[in-house]
Amino acid sequence: MKPIIKFNTLVLSLTTTAVFGIWMFISRLILAYPEWFKDQTNNKYNLLGLLLLGLISVGVYRLFFLVTSYLVNNCHWIKRLVFSSDYLEGTWIGFYIGVSGNVRYIIETYEQTIDNLTIRGTSYDENKNLHTFWTSESYNINAKDGEITYQYKVRSTKENTDPNGIAYFSFIRDNNKKAPEFIVGYSVDSHLSMKCKAMEKKLSKSTAYEINNTLDQAVLFYEEHKSHVFNYKKKVS
């Protein structure tokens, strides 16, 4: 089940329960104090009162939607519960092999909300100098098959143009009910037309990081797992 469907189902369930409780309370009021809800001139139920009850129902839904949205977007354990195998938010580190054959270290953040995913990444050359940075423009997650594909706009410290690109990654995980801790795949910049193999691991659930320490972690990850970009079916630990 997609996170947005799971979220809407949760909100609808909470709202239905709350509105049912409100209507039960109001029905008892009608029996106890019928004069509050009837027009005294014709003994019919007051239309304004019925409209008010309808507005209360809408208001309750809106309230639950706002509160639940806030909790899902700001509480990591709730977000992880709702997103389940789609849960990617956090800071990721890794590396890719550039078109020249040299290593490029990666730091990426996945900012995930109920209806959106924004990926921001930077790469550094073998001397730890800033090389490129990119932001996702559209994405597709197939949690069942363990895949993510996204388009991005890349900017380089050396290029005059800002080309687009596409990335594809496969999840490495125990089963399709779990979120990935490692991803392996490739990216292709439109002006290069060459696949650059890449591998990443999730470093933290937070999207805030200290650059020097995180970059050092990416370098260490490369030294430990660089062979997996050529044979990523090996067990990753």
Protein backbone atom coordinates (compact mmCIF):
# COMPACT_ATOMS: atom_id res chain seq x y z
CA MET A 1 0.00 0.00 0.00
CA LYS A 2 1.35 3.41 -1.00
CA PRO A 3 2.15 5.77 1.92
CA ILE A 4 -0.38 8.37 0.75
CA ILE A 5 -3.13 5.72 0.67
CA LYS A 6 -2.11 4.40 4.08
CA PHE A 7 -2.09 7.95 5.45
CA ASN A 8 -5.54 8.80 4.05
CA THR A 9 -6.92 5.54 5.39
CA LEU A 10 -5.54 6.38 8.83
CA VAL A 11 -7.02 9.90 8.79
CA LEU A 12 -10.38 8.61 7.53
CA SER A 13 -10.50 5.94 10.25
CA LEU A 14 -9.71 8.45 13.00
CA THR A 15 -12.20 10.96 11.59
CA THR A 16 -14.98 8.39 11.25
CA THR A 17 -14.48 7.29 14.84
CA ALA A 18 -14.45 10.89 16.12
CA VAL A 19 -17.47 12.01 14.06
CA PHE A 20 -19.43 8.92 15.12
CA GLY A 21 -18.73 9.83 18.73
CA ILE A 22 -19.83 13.42 18.14
CA TRP A 23 -23.06 12.34 16.46
CA MET A 24 -23.81 9.92 19.29
CA PHE A 25 -23.35 12.77 21.75
CA ILE A 26 -25.56 15.11 19.70
CA SER A 27 -28.27 12.47 19.27
CA ARG A 28 -28.51 12.23 23.05
CA LEU A 29 -28.76 16.01 23.26
CA ILE A 30 -31.62 15.98 20.73
CA LEU A 31 -33.52 13.48 22.85
CA ALA A 32 -32.83 15.39 26.04
CA TYR A 33 -33.27 18.93 24.70
CA PRO A 34 -35.32 18.75 21.48
CA GLU A 35 -36.17 22.45 21.66
CA TRP A 36 -32.53 23.31 20.89
CA PHE A 37 -32.73 21.69 17.49
CA LYS A 38 -36.28 22.43 16.36
CA ASP A 39 -37.88 25.52 14.92
CA GLN A 40 -40.58 26.47 17.42
CA THR A 41 -42.93 27.80 14.69
CA ASN A 42 -43.28 24.60 12.66
CA ASN A 43 -41.78 21.94 14.92
CA LYS A 44 -39.26 20.93 12.21
CA TYR A 45 -35.57 20.47 12.76
CA ASN A 46 -33.66 23.69 12.35
CA LEU A 47 -31.80 23.69 9.01
CA LEU A 48 -29.11 25.93 10.43
CA GLY A 49 -28.44 23.38 13.16
CA LEU A 50 -28.07 20.59 10.61
CA LEU A 51 -25.66 22.68 8.56
CA LEU A 52 -23.69 23.37 11.72
CA LEU A 53 -23.41 19.65 12.38
CA GLY A 54 -22.10 19.16 8.84
CA LEU A 55 -19.48 21.86 9.33
CA ILE A 56 -18.42 20.22 12.58
CA SER A 57 -17.82 16.96 10.68
CA VAL A 58 -15.69 18.74 8.07
CA GLY A 59 -13.83 20.59 10.79
CA VAL A 60 -13.06 17.36 12.63
CA TYR A 61 -11.64 15.82 9.44
CA ARG A 62 -9.52 18.90 8.80
CA LEU A 63 -8.26 18.88 12.37
CA PHE A 64 -7.27 15.23 12.25
CA PHE A 65 -5.65 15.74 8.84
CA LEU A 66 -3.50 18.62 10.10
CA VAL A 67 -2.51 16.92 13.34
CA THR A 68 -1.74 13.60 11.66
CA SER A 69 0.22 15.32 8.87
CA TYR A 70 2.30 17.16 11.45
CA LEU A 71 3.04 13.98 13.42
CA VAL A 72 3.96 11.96 10.33
CA ASN A 73 6.20 14.69 8.91
CA ASN A 74 7.95 15.50 12.20
CA CYS A 75 8.14 12.25 14.18
CA HIS A 76 10.60 9.81 12.64
CA TRP A 77 9.17 6.67 14.25
CA ILE A 78 5.64 7.53 13.08
CA LYS A 79 6.94 8.36 9.60
CA ARG A 80 8.82 5.08 9.47
CA LEU A 81 5.65 3.24 10.51
CA VAL A 82 3.53 4.92 7.81
CA PHE A 83 6.12 4.69 5.02
CA SER A 84 7.31 1.20 5.96
CA SER A 85 9.30 -0.21 3.00
CA ASP A 86 9.13 3.20 1.24
CA TYR A 87 11.00 4.89 4.09
CA LEU A 88 14.12 6.59 2.71
CA GLU A 89 14.42 9.82 4.66
CA GLY A 90 17.82 10.67 6.04
CA THR A 91 21.42 11.24 5.04
CA TRP A 92 23.02 8.81 2.62
CA ILE A 93 26.70 8.44 1.77
CA GLY A 94 28.42 6.57 -1.02
CA PHE A 95 30.41 6.87 -4.19
CA TYR A 96 30.22 6.55 -7.94
CA ILE A 97 32.77 5.90 -10.64
CA GLY A 98 32.91 8.92 -12.99
CA VAL A 99 33.23 8.89 -16.75
CA SER A 100 36.99 9.27 -16.39
CA GLY A 101 37.16 6.22 -14.14
CA ASN A 102 37.90 8.23 -11.01
CA VAL A 103 35.99 7.90 -7.76
CA ARG A 104 33.48 10.55 -6.73
CA TYR A 105 32.23 10.57 -3.15
CA ILE A 106 28.53 11.17 -2.56
CA ILE A 107 26.52 12.82 0.20
CA GLU A 108 22.75 12.81 -0.36
CA THR A 109 19.74 13.77 1.72
CA TYR A 110 16.28 12.33 1.22
CA GLU A 111 13.59 14.72 2.50
CA GLN A 112 10.35 12.72 2.59
CA THR A 113 6.82 13.93 3.23
CA ILE A 114 3.44 12.28 2.73
CA ASP A 115 3.15 13.39 -0.88
CA ASN A 116 6.69 14.27 -1.92
CA LEU A 117 10.34 13.22 -1.92
CA THR A 118 13.19 15.68 -2.49
CA ILE A 119 16.68 14.35 -3.06
CA ARG A 120 19.62 16.73 -2.69
CA GLY A 121 23.11 15.52 -3.41
CA THR A 122 26.70 16.63 -3.66
CA SER A 123 29.74 14.85 -5.00
CA TYR A 124 33.41 15.38 -4.24
CA ASP A 125 36.50 14.35 -6.18
CA GLU A 126 39.34 12.15 -4.93
CA ASN A 127 40.88 15.21 -3.23
CA LYS A 128 37.60 15.94 -1.42
CA ASN A 129 36.95 19.03 -3.52
CA LEU A 130 33.37 19.89 -4.46
CA HIS A 131 32.60 18.39 -7.86
CA THR A 132 28.86 18.54 -8.58
CA PHE A 133 25.54 18.98 -6.80
CA TRP A 134 22.02 18.03 -7.84
CA THR A 135 18.35 18.13 -6.86
CA SER A 136 15.65 15.66 -7.87
CA GLU A 137 12.80 16.87 -10.09
CA SER A 138 10.57 13.78 -10.23
CA TYR A 139 10.75 10.29 -8.80
CA ASN A 140 9.16 6.86 -8.65
CA ILE A 141 9.51 4.36 -5.82
CA ASN A 142 8.59 0.72 -6.33
CA ALA A 143 8.98 -0.64 -2.81
CA LYS A 144 7.62 -4.07 -3.72
CA ASP A 145 10.34 -4.69 -6.31
CA GLY A 146 12.88 -2.60 -4.41
CA GLU A 147 13.61 0.15 -6.93
CA ILE A 148 13.80 3.92 -7.06
CA THR A 149 14.16 6.00 -10.22
CA TYR A 150 14.42 9.77 -10.28
CA GLN A 151 15.28 12.60 -12.61
CA TYR A 152 17.54 15.38 -11.44
CA LYS A 153 19.07 18.71 -12.37
CA VAL A 154 22.84 18.60 -11.95
CA ARG A 155 25.16 21.56 -11.50
CA SER A 156 28.91 21.37 -11.83
CA THR A 157 31.76 23.54 -10.61
CA LYS A 158 33.44 23.05 -13.99
CA GLU A 159 30.59 22.95 -16.54
CA ASN A 160 28.89 26.04 -17.92
CA THR A 161 25.59 24.26 -18.51
CA ASP A 162 23.16 22.69 -16.04
CA PRO A 163 22.13 19.37 -17.65
CA ASN A 164 19.47 16.94 -16.51
CA GLY A 165 20.03 13.33 -15.58
CA ILE A 166 18.32 10.15 -14.50
CA ALA A 167 19.27 7.76 -11.70
CA TYR A 168 18.21 4.19 -11.05
CA PHE A 169 18.89 2.31 -7.81
CA SER A 170 18.04 -1.15 -6.54
CA PHE A 171 17.39 -1.75 -2.83
CA ILE A 172 19.56 -4.10 -0.81
CA ARG A 173 17.50 -5.43 2.11
CA ASP A 174 16.38 -8.58 3.88
CA ASN A 175 12.87 -8.65 2.37
CA ASN A 176 10.35 -6.42 0.58
CA LYS A 177 8.66 -5.44 3.85
CA LYS A 178 11.70 -3.52 5.03
CA ALA A 179 13.16 -0.19 3.99
CA PRO A 180 16.60 -0.31 2.39
CA GLU A 181 19.83 0.49 4.20
CA PHE A 182 21.92 0.15 1.02
CA ILE A 183 21.18 1.02 -2.62
CA VAL A 184 23.14 0.14 -5.76
CA GLY A 185 22.65 1.44 -9.28
CA TYR A 186 23.76 4.08 -11.70
CA SER A 187 23.16 7.62 -12.92
CA VAL A 188 23.34 9.14 -16.39
CA ASP A 189 23.82 12.84 -17.13
CA SER A 190 22.13 13.86 -20.38
CA HIS A 191 25.23 15.54 -21.82
CA LEU A 192 27.48 12.53 -21.12
CA SER A 193 25.27 9.55 -22.13
CA MET A 194 27.35 7.19 -19.99
CA LYS A 195 26.19 5.20 -16.99
CA CYS A 196 28.12 5.89 -13.81
CA LYS A 197 27.91 3.00 -11.34
CA ALA A 198 27.14 3.99 -7.77
CA MET A 199 26.55 2.58 -4.32
CA GLU A 200 25.19 4.26 -1.17
CA LYS A 201 24.25 3.46 2.39
CA LYS A 202 22.00 5.23 4.84
CA LEU A 203 24.10 6.98 7.44
CA SER A 204 21.43 8.69 9.55
CA LYS A 205 17.67 9.26 9.70
CA SER A 206 18.36 13.00 10.01
CA THR A 207 18.88 15.22 6.96
CA ALA A 208 21.23 17.50 8.92
CA TYR A 209 24.91 16.56 8.83
CA GLU A 210 28.41 17.89 9.41
CA ILE A 211 30.20 17.97 6.06
CA ASN A 212 33.76 16.99 7.00
CA ASN A 213 32.79 14.05 9.17
CA THR A 214 30.16 12.83 6.70
CA LEU A 215 32.60 13.08 3.80
CA ASP A 216 35.15 11.07 5.77
CA GLN A 217 32.46 8.42 6.28
CA ALA A 218 31.87 8.35 2.51
CA VAL A 219 35.59 7.85 1.87
CA LEU A 220 35.72 5.01 4.40
CA PHE A 221 32.63 3.42 2.83
CA TYR A 222 34.34 3.50 -0.56
CA GLU A 223 37.48 1.83 0.79
CA GLU A 224 35.42 -0.92 2.42
CA HIS A 225 32.93 -1.62 -0.39
CA LYS A 226 34.33 -0.34 -3.67
CA SER A 227 34.26 -3.82 -5.26
CA HIS A 228 30.49 -4.02 -4.87
CA VAL A 229 29.81 -1.53 -7.68
CA PHE A 230 31.02 -4.22 -10.03
CA ASN A 231 29.45 -7.16 -8.23
CA TYR A 232 26.72 -5.79 -5.96
CA LYS A 233 25.13 -9.17 -5.36
CA LYS A 234 27.80 -9.79 -2.75
CA LYS A 235 26.52 -9.62 0.81
CA VAL A 236 26.87 -6.11 2.20
CA SER A 237 27.48 -5.70 5.91
